[in-house]
Amino acid sequence: MAIAVGGLLHVAVVTPDLDRMAAFYTGLFGAEVVKDLSLTTPVFGEGVGVPGATARTVHLRLPGASTVVELTQYAAHHPAADPRAPANAPGLRHLALRVDDIGAAAGELRARGHEVVGGPVEVDRPAAARGTWFLYFRDPDGNLVELIEPPSRTPAAGGPDDARTRPAGAGSPTEAESEGNRT
């Protein structure tokens, strides 16, 4: 029997500097702080499987989103995590956010000095995804974040391809783009 799920409530990001990460997400994306909690009871440590653990957590709601981004700073961090692991490393690998203008987003990221690691590129396969643009960049802790601009319109099934132009700041086509590669 399947477990009945009512939706995705939050995505958790553990950080060594909660204030820096909260400032990043509120400043760049206009996220709203909806909770700021100190987690200091023994029940917390038992619940996360790290007896004695204490932490501070901030819940952020991105504009237009129902899922919350939960940023957590533990009093003592486990040193094994590698947030700069590449996109093809095992585990949870990136947070994806929808944007209306990928070119403007790319320009804003670069203007603020953020590391854009790939894109923007346009998806050309499968046909249902044509016209979707995406890029990957890193947040201040090195975690991958994907920005996605959905297609402005979908071509009719079996019909001619729609006319598209490259968003400002998207750069020139790449070999990966022409092959339709997407991670």
N, C-alpha and C. Protein backbone atom coordinates (compact mmCIF):
# COMPACT_ATOMS: atom_id res chain seq x y z
N MET A 1 0.84 -1.18 0.00
CA MET A 1 0.00 0.00 0.00
C MET A 1 0.89 1.24 0.00
N ALA A 2 0.56 2.18 -0.84
CA ALA A 2 1.33 3.42 -0.93
C ALA A 2 0.98 4.36 0.22
N ILE A 3 1.95 5.14 0.63
CA ILE A 3 1.73 6.17 1.64
C ILE A 3 1.07 7.36 0.95
N ALA A 4 -0.06 7.82 1.47
CA ALA A 4 -0.76 8.96 0.88
C ALA A 4 0.00 10.24 1.20
N VAL A 5 0.38 10.97 0.16
CA VAL A 5 1.13 12.22 0.31
C VAL A 5 0.25 13.37 -0.13
N GLY A 6 0.24 14.45 0.64
CA GLY A 6 -0.59 15.60 0.32
C GLY A 6 0.15 16.76 -0.30
N GLY A 7 1.42 16.59 -0.65
CA GLY A 7 2.18 17.65 -1.29
C GLY A 7 3.58 17.75 -0.72
N LEU A 8 4.40 18.54 -1.38
CA LEU A 8 5.77 18.80 -0.94
C LEU A 8 5.75 20.05 -0.07
N LEU A 9 6.13 19.93 1.20
CA LEU A 9 6.04 21.04 2.14
C LEU A 9 7.26 21.94 2.12
N HIS A 10 8.46 21.35 2.14
CA HIS A 10 9.65 22.17 2.10
C HIS A 10 10.84 21.40 1.55
N VAL A 11 11.84 22.16 1.15
CA VAL A 11 13.13 21.62 0.75
C VAL A 11 14.14 22.19 1.73
N ALA A 12 14.93 21.34 2.36
CA ALA A 12 15.86 21.78 3.40
C ALA A 12 17.28 21.91 2.87
N VAL A 13 17.92 23.00 3.24
CA VAL A 13 19.32 23.25 2.90
C VAL A 13 20.05 23.52 4.21
N VAL A 14 21.03 22.68 4.53
CA VAL A 14 21.84 22.90 5.73
C VAL A 14 23.01 23.79 5.35
N THR A 15 23.25 24.81 6.15
CA THR A 15 24.28 25.80 5.85
C THR A 15 25.11 26.12 7.09
N PRO A 16 26.39 26.44 6.91
CA PRO A 16 27.18 26.88 8.06
C PRO A 16 26.95 28.36 8.39
N ASP A 17 26.26 29.11 7.50
CA ASP A 17 26.03 30.54 7.73
C ASP A 17 24.59 30.90 7.34
N LEU A 18 23.68 30.70 8.25
CA LEU A 18 22.25 30.90 8.00
C LEU A 18 21.93 32.34 7.59
N ASP A 19 22.50 33.31 8.27
CA ASP A 19 22.19 34.70 7.96
C ASP A 19 22.61 35.06 6.53
N ARG A 20 23.79 34.59 6.10
CA ARG A 20 24.26 34.86 4.73
C ARG A 20 23.32 34.23 3.71
N MET A 21 22.92 32.97 3.94
CA MET A 21 22.05 32.29 2.99
C MET A 21 20.66 32.92 2.97
N ALA A 22 20.12 33.31 4.11
CA ALA A 22 18.80 33.96 4.15
C ALA A 22 18.86 35.29 3.40
N ALA A 23 19.93 36.05 3.59
CA ALA A 23 20.09 37.32 2.87
C ALA A 23 20.18 37.09 1.37
N PHE A 24 20.83 36.01 0.95
CA PHE A 24 20.94 35.67 -0.47
C PHE A 24 19.56 35.42 -1.08
N TYR A 25 18.78 34.53 -0.48
CA TYR A 25 17.48 34.17 -1.04
C TYR A 25 16.46 35.30 -0.92
N THR A 26 16.50 36.09 0.15
CA THR A 26 15.57 37.22 0.26
C THR A 26 15.99 38.34 -0.67
N GLY A 27 17.29 38.60 -0.79
CA GLY A 27 17.77 39.69 -1.62
C GLY A 27 17.66 39.42 -3.11
N LEU A 28 18.03 38.22 -3.55
CA LEU A 28 18.03 37.91 -4.98
C LEU A 28 16.65 37.54 -5.50
N PHE A 29 15.86 36.81 -4.72
CA PHE A 29 14.58 36.30 -5.19
C PHE A 29 13.37 36.93 -4.51
N GLY A 30 13.57 37.80 -3.55
CA GLY A 30 12.43 38.41 -2.86
C GLY A 30 11.70 37.44 -1.95
N ALA A 31 12.40 36.41 -1.47
CA ALA A 31 11.77 35.44 -0.56
C ALA A 31 11.38 36.13 0.73
N GLU A 32 10.30 35.63 1.33
CA GLU A 32 9.78 36.17 2.59
C GLU A 32 10.08 35.18 3.72
N VAL A 33 10.63 35.70 4.82
CA VAL A 33 10.87 34.85 5.99
C VAL A 33 9.52 34.60 6.66
N VAL A 34 9.10 33.32 6.72
CA VAL A 34 7.82 33.00 7.35
C VAL A 34 7.99 32.36 8.72
N LYS A 35 9.19 31.84 9.02
CA LYS A 35 9.51 31.30 10.35
C LYS A 35 10.99 31.49 10.60
N ASP A 36 11.33 31.74 11.85
CA ASP A 36 12.72 31.80 12.30
C ASP A 36 12.73 31.14 13.67
N LEU A 37 13.23 29.91 13.74
CA LEU A 37 13.09 29.10 14.95
C LEU A 37 14.43 28.64 15.51
N SER A 38 14.52 28.58 16.83
CA SER A 38 15.63 27.92 17.51
C SER A 38 15.16 26.52 17.89
N LEU A 39 15.91 25.52 17.49
CA LEU A 39 15.54 24.12 17.74
C LEU A 39 16.52 23.57 18.76
N THR A 40 16.13 23.62 20.03
CA THR A 40 17.07 23.29 21.11
C THR A 40 16.61 22.18 22.04
N THR A 41 15.45 21.60 21.79
CA THR A 41 14.96 20.55 22.69
C THR A 41 15.56 19.20 22.30
N PRO A 42 15.66 18.27 23.25
CA PRO A 42 16.17 16.93 22.94
C PRO A 42 15.36 16.23 21.85
N VAL A 43 14.08 16.52 21.76
CA VAL A 43 13.23 15.89 20.75
C VAL A 43 13.74 16.19 19.34
N PHE A 44 14.23 17.41 19.10
CA PHE A 44 14.75 17.76 17.77
C PHE A 44 15.90 16.83 17.39
N GLY A 45 16.91 16.72 18.25
CA GLY A 45 18.06 15.87 17.96
C GLY A 45 17.67 14.42 17.73
N GLU A 46 16.75 13.93 18.55
CA GLU A 46 16.27 12.56 18.38
C GLU A 46 15.54 12.40 17.05
N GLY A 47 14.73 13.39 16.69
CA GLY A 47 13.94 13.32 15.47
C GLY A 47 14.78 13.32 14.20
N VAL A 48 15.90 14.05 14.20
CA VAL A 48 16.75 14.09 13.01
C VAL A 48 17.85 13.03 13.05
N GLY A 49 17.85 12.22 14.12
CA GLY A 49 18.82 11.13 14.21
C GLY A 49 20.21 11.57 14.64
N VAL A 50 20.31 12.76 15.25
CA VAL A 50 21.59 13.27 15.75
C VAL A 50 21.36 13.69 17.20
N PRO A 51 21.39 12.74 18.14
CA PRO A 51 21.10 13.06 19.53
C PRO A 51 21.95 14.24 20.03
N GLY A 52 21.29 15.17 20.72
CA GLY A 52 21.95 16.34 21.26
C GLY A 52 22.09 17.50 20.29
N ALA A 53 21.70 17.30 19.03
CA ALA A 53 21.83 18.37 18.03
C ALA A 53 20.91 19.53 18.36
N THR A 54 21.40 20.73 18.10
CA THR A 54 20.58 21.94 18.19
C THR A 54 20.82 22.73 16.91
N ALA A 55 19.85 23.57 16.55
CA ALA A 55 19.97 24.30 15.30
C ALA A 55 19.08 25.53 15.32
N ARG A 56 19.31 26.38 14.34
CA ARG A 56 18.41 27.48 14.04
C ARG A 56 17.94 27.24 12.62
N THR A 57 16.65 27.45 12.37
CA THR A 57 16.11 27.25 11.04
C THR A 57 15.24 28.43 10.64
N VAL A 58 15.32 28.77 9.37
CA VAL A 58 14.51 29.85 8.79
C VAL A 58 13.75 29.25 7.62
N HIS A 59 12.44 29.48 7.59
CA HIS A 59 11.62 29.06 6.46
C HIS A 59 11.39 30.27 5.56
N LEU A 60 11.66 30.10 4.27
CA LEU A 60 11.50 31.17 3.29
C LEU A 60 10.45 30.76 2.27
N ARG A 61 9.54 31.67 1.96
CA ARG A 61 8.56 31.43 0.89
C ARG A 61 8.95 32.32 -0.28
N LEU A 62 9.18 31.67 -1.41
CA LEU A 62 9.50 32.40 -2.63
C LEU A 62 8.22 32.95 -3.24
N PRO A 63 8.29 34.10 -3.90
CA PRO A 63 7.08 34.66 -4.52
C PRO A 63 6.44 33.64 -5.48
N GLY A 64 5.16 33.43 -5.36
CA GLY A 64 4.43 32.54 -6.25
C GLY A 64 4.58 31.06 -5.92
N ALA A 65 5.28 30.71 -4.86
CA ALA A 65 5.53 29.30 -4.53
C ALA A 65 4.76 28.90 -3.28
N SER A 66 4.34 27.65 -3.24
CA SER A 66 3.71 27.15 -2.02
C SER A 66 4.71 26.36 -1.17
N THR A 67 5.72 25.77 -1.81
CA THR A 67 6.74 25.03 -1.09
C THR A 67 7.71 26.01 -0.44
N VAL A 68 8.15 25.69 0.75
CA VAL A 68 9.06 26.54 1.51
C VAL A 68 10.49 26.04 1.36
N VAL A 69 11.44 26.95 1.31
CA VAL A 69 12.86 26.60 1.40
C VAL A 69 13.23 26.75 2.87
N GLU A 70 13.69 25.66 3.47
CA GLU A 70 14.08 25.66 4.88
C GLU A 70 15.60 25.70 4.97
N LEU A 71 16.13 26.78 5.53
CA LEU A 71 17.57 26.91 5.75
C LEU A 71 17.84 26.57 7.21
N THR A 72 18.80 25.68 7.45
CA THR A 72 19.10 25.25 8.81
C THR A 72 20.60 25.34 9.07
N GLN A 73 20.93 25.95 10.21
CA GLN A 73 22.32 26.00 10.67
C GLN A 73 22.40 25.24 11.98
N TYR A 74 23.11 24.11 11.96
CA TYR A 74 23.32 23.32 13.17
C TYR A 74 24.44 23.95 13.99
N ALA A 75 24.36 23.79 15.31
CA ALA A 75 25.42 24.29 16.18
C ALA A 75 26.74 23.59 15.87
N ALA A 76 26.68 22.31 15.50
CA ALA A 76 27.87 21.55 15.11
C ALA A 76 27.56 20.87 13.78
N HIS A 77 28.40 21.13 12.75
CA HIS A 77 28.18 20.55 11.42
C HIS A 77 28.98 19.28 11.23
N HIS A 78 28.42 18.38 10.45
CA HIS A 78 29.14 17.20 10.01
C HIS A 78 30.00 17.63 8.82
N PRO A 79 31.29 17.32 8.81
CA PRO A 79 32.18 17.84 7.77
C PRO A 79 32.13 17.10 6.43
N ALA A 80 31.36 16.02 6.31
CA ALA A 80 31.42 15.18 5.12
C ALA A 80 30.75 15.77 3.88
N ALA A 81 29.86 16.72 4.04
CA ALA A 81 29.10 17.22 2.89
C ALA A 81 30.00 17.97 1.91
N ASP A 82 29.73 17.82 0.62
CA ASP A 82 30.44 18.56 -0.43
C ASP A 82 29.42 19.27 -1.29
N PRO A 83 29.03 20.49 -0.91
CA PRO A 83 27.99 21.19 -1.68
C PRO A 83 28.43 21.54 -3.09
N ARG A 84 29.74 21.52 -3.38
CA ARG A 84 30.21 21.87 -4.72
C ARG A 84 30.31 20.64 -5.63
N ALA A 85 29.70 19.55 -5.21
CA ALA A 85 29.69 18.35 -6.05
C ALA A 85 29.01 18.68 -7.38
N PRO A 86 29.44 18.05 -8.46
CA PRO A 86 28.83 18.33 -9.77
C PRO A 86 27.40 17.82 -9.86
N ALA A 87 26.71 18.26 -10.88
CA ALA A 87 25.29 17.94 -11.06
C ALA A 87 25.03 16.45 -11.18
N ASN A 88 26.04 15.67 -11.61
CA ASN A 88 25.81 14.23 -11.79
C ASN A 88 26.23 13.40 -10.57
N ALA A 89 26.54 14.04 -9.43
CA ALA A 89 26.88 13.31 -8.20
C ALA A 89 25.60 12.77 -7.56
N PRO A 90 25.68 11.62 -6.88
CA PRO A 90 24.48 11.07 -6.23
C PRO A 90 23.95 11.99 -5.13
N GLY A 91 22.66 11.90 -4.89
CA GLY A 91 22.02 12.68 -3.82
C GLY A 91 21.18 13.81 -4.36
N LEU A 92 20.56 14.53 -3.43
CA LEU A 92 19.79 15.72 -3.84
C LEU A 92 20.79 16.71 -4.41
N ARG A 93 20.54 17.22 -5.59
CA ARG A 93 21.59 17.96 -6.26
C ARG A 93 21.27 19.42 -6.55
N HIS A 94 20.02 19.78 -6.78
CA HIS A 94 19.76 21.19 -7.04
C HIS A 94 18.33 21.56 -6.70
N LEU A 95 18.13 22.85 -6.54
CA LEU A 95 16.83 23.46 -6.32
C LEU A 95 16.46 24.12 -7.64
N ALA A 96 15.26 23.90 -8.16
CA ALA A 96 14.84 24.50 -9.43
C ALA A 96 13.74 25.52 -9.19
N LEU A 97 13.91 26.70 -9.79
CA LEU A 97 12.96 27.79 -9.64
C LEU A 97 12.52 28.28 -11.01
N ARG A 98 11.23 28.56 -11.15
CA ARG A 98 10.69 29.09 -12.41
C ARG A 98 10.88 30.60 -12.43
N VAL A 99 11.31 31.11 -13.59
CA VAL A 99 11.44 32.56 -13.79
C VAL A 99 10.72 32.93 -15.08
N ASP A 100 10.37 34.20 -15.22
CA ASP A 100 9.70 34.67 -16.43
C ASP A 100 10.67 35.10 -17.51
N ASP A 101 11.90 35.50 -17.16
CA ASP A 101 12.86 36.03 -18.13
C ASP A 101 14.26 35.52 -17.77
N ILE A 102 14.67 34.44 -18.42
CA ILE A 102 15.95 33.81 -18.11
C ILE A 102 17.12 34.72 -18.45
N GLY A 103 17.00 35.50 -19.51
CA GLY A 103 18.07 36.42 -19.89
C GLY A 103 18.29 37.48 -18.84
N ALA A 104 17.20 38.07 -18.35
CA ALA A 104 17.31 39.08 -17.30
C ALA A 104 17.86 38.46 -16.02
N ALA A 105 17.43 37.24 -15.72
CA ALA A 105 17.93 36.55 -14.52
C ALA A 105 19.43 36.29 -14.64
N ALA A 106 19.88 35.84 -15.82
CA ALA A 106 21.31 35.60 -16.03
C ALA A 106 22.10 36.89 -15.86
N GLY A 107 21.59 37.98 -16.42
CA GLY A 107 22.26 39.26 -16.28
C GLY A 107 22.35 39.71 -14.83
N GLU A 108 21.28 39.51 -14.08
CA GLU A 108 21.26 39.91 -12.67
C GLU A 108 22.24 39.06 -11.86
N LEU A 109 22.28 37.76 -12.14
CA LEU A 109 23.23 36.89 -11.43
C LEU A 109 24.67 37.35 -11.68
N ARG A 110 24.99 37.60 -12.94
CA ARG A 110 26.36 38.03 -13.29
C ARG A 110 26.67 39.39 -12.69
N ALA A 111 25.70 40.31 -12.72
CA ALA A 111 25.91 41.65 -12.16
C ALA A 111 26.19 41.57 -10.65
N ARG A 112 25.60 40.58 -10.00
CA ARG A 112 25.81 40.42 -8.55
C ARG A 112 27.02 39.53 -8.24
N GLY A 113 27.70 39.06 -9.28
CA GLY A 113 28.91 38.28 -9.07
C GLY A 113 28.70 36.82 -8.74
N HIS A 114 27.53 36.27 -9.04
CA HIS A 114 27.27 34.86 -8.75
C HIS A 114 27.83 33.98 -9.87
N GLU A 115 28.28 32.80 -9.50
CA GLU A 115 28.88 31.86 -10.43
C GLU A 115 27.81 31.14 -11.23
N VAL A 116 27.69 31.48 -12.52
CA VAL A 116 26.79 30.76 -13.43
C VAL A 116 27.61 29.62 -14.01
N VAL A 117 27.19 28.38 -13.76
CA VAL A 117 27.98 27.22 -14.17
C VAL A 117 27.53 26.62 -15.49
N GLY A 118 26.36 26.98 -15.97
CA GLY A 118 25.88 26.48 -17.24
C GLY A 118 24.67 27.23 -17.71
N GLY A 119 24.67 27.60 -19.01
CA GLY A 119 23.53 28.25 -19.60
C GLY A 119 23.62 29.76 -19.56
N PRO A 120 22.52 30.40 -19.97
CA PRO A 120 21.24 29.80 -20.34
C PRO A 120 21.32 29.07 -21.69
N VAL A 121 20.63 27.96 -21.74
CA VAL A 121 20.49 27.19 -22.97
C VAL A 121 19.02 26.85 -23.17
N GLU A 122 18.68 26.59 -24.44
CA GLU A 122 17.31 26.23 -24.79
C GLU A 122 17.22 24.73 -24.99
N VAL A 123 16.22 24.12 -24.40
CA VAL A 123 15.96 22.69 -24.58
C VAL A 123 15.35 22.51 -25.97
N ASP A 124 15.90 21.57 -26.76
CA ASP A 124 15.30 21.33 -28.07
C ASP A 124 14.74 19.92 -28.23
N ARG A 125 14.93 19.05 -27.23
CA ARG A 125 14.36 17.71 -27.22
C ARG A 125 13.98 17.37 -25.79
N PRO A 126 12.92 16.71 -25.53
CA PRO A 126 11.89 16.27 -26.46
C PRO A 126 11.06 17.45 -26.96
N ALA A 127 10.28 17.20 -27.98
CA ALA A 127 9.49 18.26 -28.60
C ALA A 127 8.61 18.99 -27.60
N ALA A 128 8.07 18.29 -26.62
CA ALA A 128 7.17 18.92 -25.64
C ALA A 128 7.90 19.96 -24.78
N ALA A 129 9.23 19.86 -24.69
CA ALA A 129 10.00 20.80 -23.85
C ALA A 129 10.64 21.92 -24.66
N ARG A 130 10.52 21.88 -25.98
CA ARG A 130 11.14 22.92 -26.81
C ARG A 130 10.70 24.30 -26.37
N GLY A 131 11.64 25.20 -26.38
CA GLY A 131 11.34 26.57 -25.98
C GLY A 131 11.58 26.82 -24.50
N THR A 132 11.88 25.78 -23.75
CA THR A 132 12.23 25.95 -22.33
C THR A 132 13.70 26.34 -22.25
N TRP A 133 13.98 27.37 -21.47
CA TRP A 133 15.35 27.82 -21.24
C TRP A 133 15.72 27.53 -19.80
N PHE A 134 17.00 27.19 -19.56
CA PHE A 134 17.44 26.97 -18.18
C PHE A 134 18.91 27.35 -18.02
N LEU A 135 19.27 27.57 -16.77
CA LEU A 135 20.67 27.78 -16.41
C LEU A 135 20.90 27.24 -15.01
N TYR A 136 22.14 26.97 -14.71
CA TYR A 136 22.55 26.54 -13.37
C TYR A 136 23.53 27.57 -12.82
N PHE A 137 23.39 27.85 -11.53
CA PHE A 137 24.36 28.69 -10.83
C PHE A 137 24.50 28.17 -9.42
N ARG A 138 25.45 28.74 -8.68
CA ARG A 138 25.70 28.30 -7.30
C ARG A 138 25.32 29.39 -6.31
N ASP A 139 24.72 28.94 -5.19
CA ASP A 139 24.41 29.87 -4.10
C ASP A 139 25.68 30.10 -3.28
N PRO A 140 25.64 30.93 -2.25
CA PRO A 140 26.86 31.22 -1.49
C PRO A 140 27.54 30.02 -0.84
N ASP A 141 26.81 28.94 -0.59
CA ASP A 141 27.42 27.73 -0.03
C ASP A 141 27.91 26.77 -1.11
N GLY A 142 27.69 27.11 -2.38
CA GLY A 142 28.11 26.24 -3.47
C GLY A 142 27.05 25.28 -3.95
N ASN A 143 25.84 25.33 -3.40
CA ASN A 143 24.75 24.46 -3.85
C ASN A 143 24.27 24.89 -5.23
N LEU A 144 23.92 23.93 -6.06
CA LEU A 144 23.40 24.24 -7.38
C LEU A 144 21.94 24.71 -7.30
N VAL A 145 21.63 25.76 -8.06
CA VAL A 145 20.27 26.26 -8.21
C VAL A 145 20.01 26.35 -9.70
N GLU A 146 18.88 25.82 -10.15
CA GLU A 146 18.50 25.89 -11.56
C GLU A 146 17.39 26.92 -11.70
N LEU A 147 17.51 27.79 -12.71
CA LEU A 147 16.43 28.69 -13.08
C LEU A 147 15.87 28.21 -14.40
N ILE A 148 14.55 28.14 -14.50
CA ILE A 148 13.87 27.63 -15.69
C ILE A 148 12.86 28.65 -16.17
N GLU A 149 12.94 28.98 -17.47
CA GLU A 149 11.91 29.80 -18.11
C GLU A 149 11.11 28.87 -19.02
N PRO A 150 9.84 28.61 -18.68
CA PRO A 150 9.02 27.73 -19.53
C PRO A 150 8.80 28.37 -20.90
N PRO A 151 8.42 27.56 -21.89
CA PRO A 151 8.16 28.11 -23.22
C PRO A 151 7.01 29.12 -23.18
N SER A 152 7.13 30.13 -24.04
CA SER A 152 6.06 31.12 -24.09
C SER A 152 4.83 30.57 -24.79
N ARG A 153 5.04 29.62 -25.69
CA ARG A 153 3.91 28.94 -26.32
C ARG A 153 4.40 27.60 -26.82
N THR A 154 3.49 26.65 -26.93
CA THR A 154 3.84 25.31 -27.37
C THR A 154 3.37 25.12 -28.80
N PRO A 155 4.25 24.65 -29.70
CA PRO A 155 3.82 24.40 -31.07
C PRO A 155 2.76 23.30 -31.12
N ALA A 156 1.91 23.35 -32.12
CA ALA A 156 0.89 22.32 -32.29
C ALA A 156 1.57 20.99 -32.58
N ALA A 157 1.00 19.91 -32.08
CA ALA A 157 1.57 18.59 -32.30
C ALA A 157 1.69 18.32 -33.78
N GLY A 158 2.92 18.01 -34.20
CA GLY A 158 3.16 17.70 -35.60
C GLY A 158 3.24 18.94 -36.48
N GLY A 159 3.03 20.11 -35.91
CA GLY A 159 3.07 21.34 -36.70
C GLY A 159 4.47 21.91 -36.78
N PRO A 160 4.61 23.02 -37.49
CA PRO A 160 5.92 23.63 -37.62
C PRO A 160 6.40 24.17 -36.27
N ASP A 161 7.70 24.23 -36.12
CA ASP A 161 8.29 24.75 -34.89
C ASP A 161 7.96 26.23 -34.76
N ASP A 162 7.78 26.70 -33.52
CA ASP A 162 7.49 28.11 -33.31
C ASP A 162 8.77 28.93 -33.46
N ALA A 163 8.63 30.18 -33.82
CA ALA A 163 9.77 31.07 -33.96
C ALA A 163 10.18 31.54 -32.57
N ARG A 164 11.45 31.32 -32.24
CA ARG A 164 11.95 31.73 -30.93
C ARG A 164 13.17 32.60 -31.13
N THR A 165 13.39 33.46 -30.19
CA THR A 165 14.62 34.24 -30.17
C THR A 165 15.34 33.96 -28.87
N ARG A 166 16.65 34.14 -28.88
CA ARG A 166 17.45 33.92 -27.68
C ARG A 166 17.19 35.03 -26.70
N PRO A 167 16.93 34.70 -25.43
CA PRO A 167 16.75 35.75 -24.43
C PRO A 167 18.02 36.58 -24.29
N ALA A 168 17.88 37.85 -23.95
CA ALA A 168 19.04 38.70 -23.70
C ALA A 168 19.90 38.05 -22.63
N GLY A 169 21.21 38.02 -22.87
CA GLY A 169 22.12 37.43 -21.89
C GLY A 169 22.26 35.93 -22.04
N ALA A 170 21.58 35.33 -23.03
CA ALA A 170 21.62 33.87 -23.15
C ALA A 170 22.88 33.38 -23.84
N GLY A 171 23.60 34.23 -24.56
CA GLY A 171 24.80 33.79 -25.23
C GLY A 171 24.49 33.08 -26.52
N SER A 172 25.51 32.45 -27.10
CA SER A 172 25.33 31.78 -28.38
C SER A 172 25.05 30.31 -28.17
N PRO A 173 24.49 29.64 -29.22
CA PRO A 173 24.18 28.21 -29.07
C PRO A 173 25.44 27.41 -28.77
N THR A 174 25.28 26.33 -28.05
CA THR A 174 26.40 25.46 -27.71
C THR A 174 26.16 24.09 -28.31
N GLU A 175 27.20 23.27 -28.33
CA GLU A 175 27.04 21.91 -28.82
C GLU A 175 26.04 21.14 -27.97
N ALA A 176 26.09 21.34 -26.66
CA ALA A 176 25.14 20.66 -25.77
C ALA A 176 23.72 21.03 -26.12
N GLU A 177 23.52 22.30 -26.46
CA GLU A 177 22.19 22.75 -26.83
C GLU A 177 21.72 22.05 -28.09
N SER A 178 22.61 21.98 -29.10
CA SER A 178 22.19 21.37 -30.35
C SER A 178 21.92 19.89 -30.18
N GLU A 179 22.54 19.26 -29.20
CA GLU A 179 22.29 17.85 -28.92
C GLU A 179 21.10 17.65 -27.99
N GLY A 180 20.57 18.75 -27.41
CA GLY A 180 19.42 18.63 -26.53
C GLY A 180 19.77 18.11 -25.15
N ASN A 181 21.03 18.24 -24.75
CA ASN A 181 21.45 17.73 -23.45
C ASN A 181 20.89 18.58 -22.34
N ARG A 182 20.43 17.94 -21.27
CA ARG A 182 19.92 18.63 -20.09
C ARG A 182 20.11 17.71 -18.91
N THR A 183 20.60 18.25 -17.80
CA THR A 183 20.79 17.42 -16.61
C THR A 183 19.60 17.51 -15.72
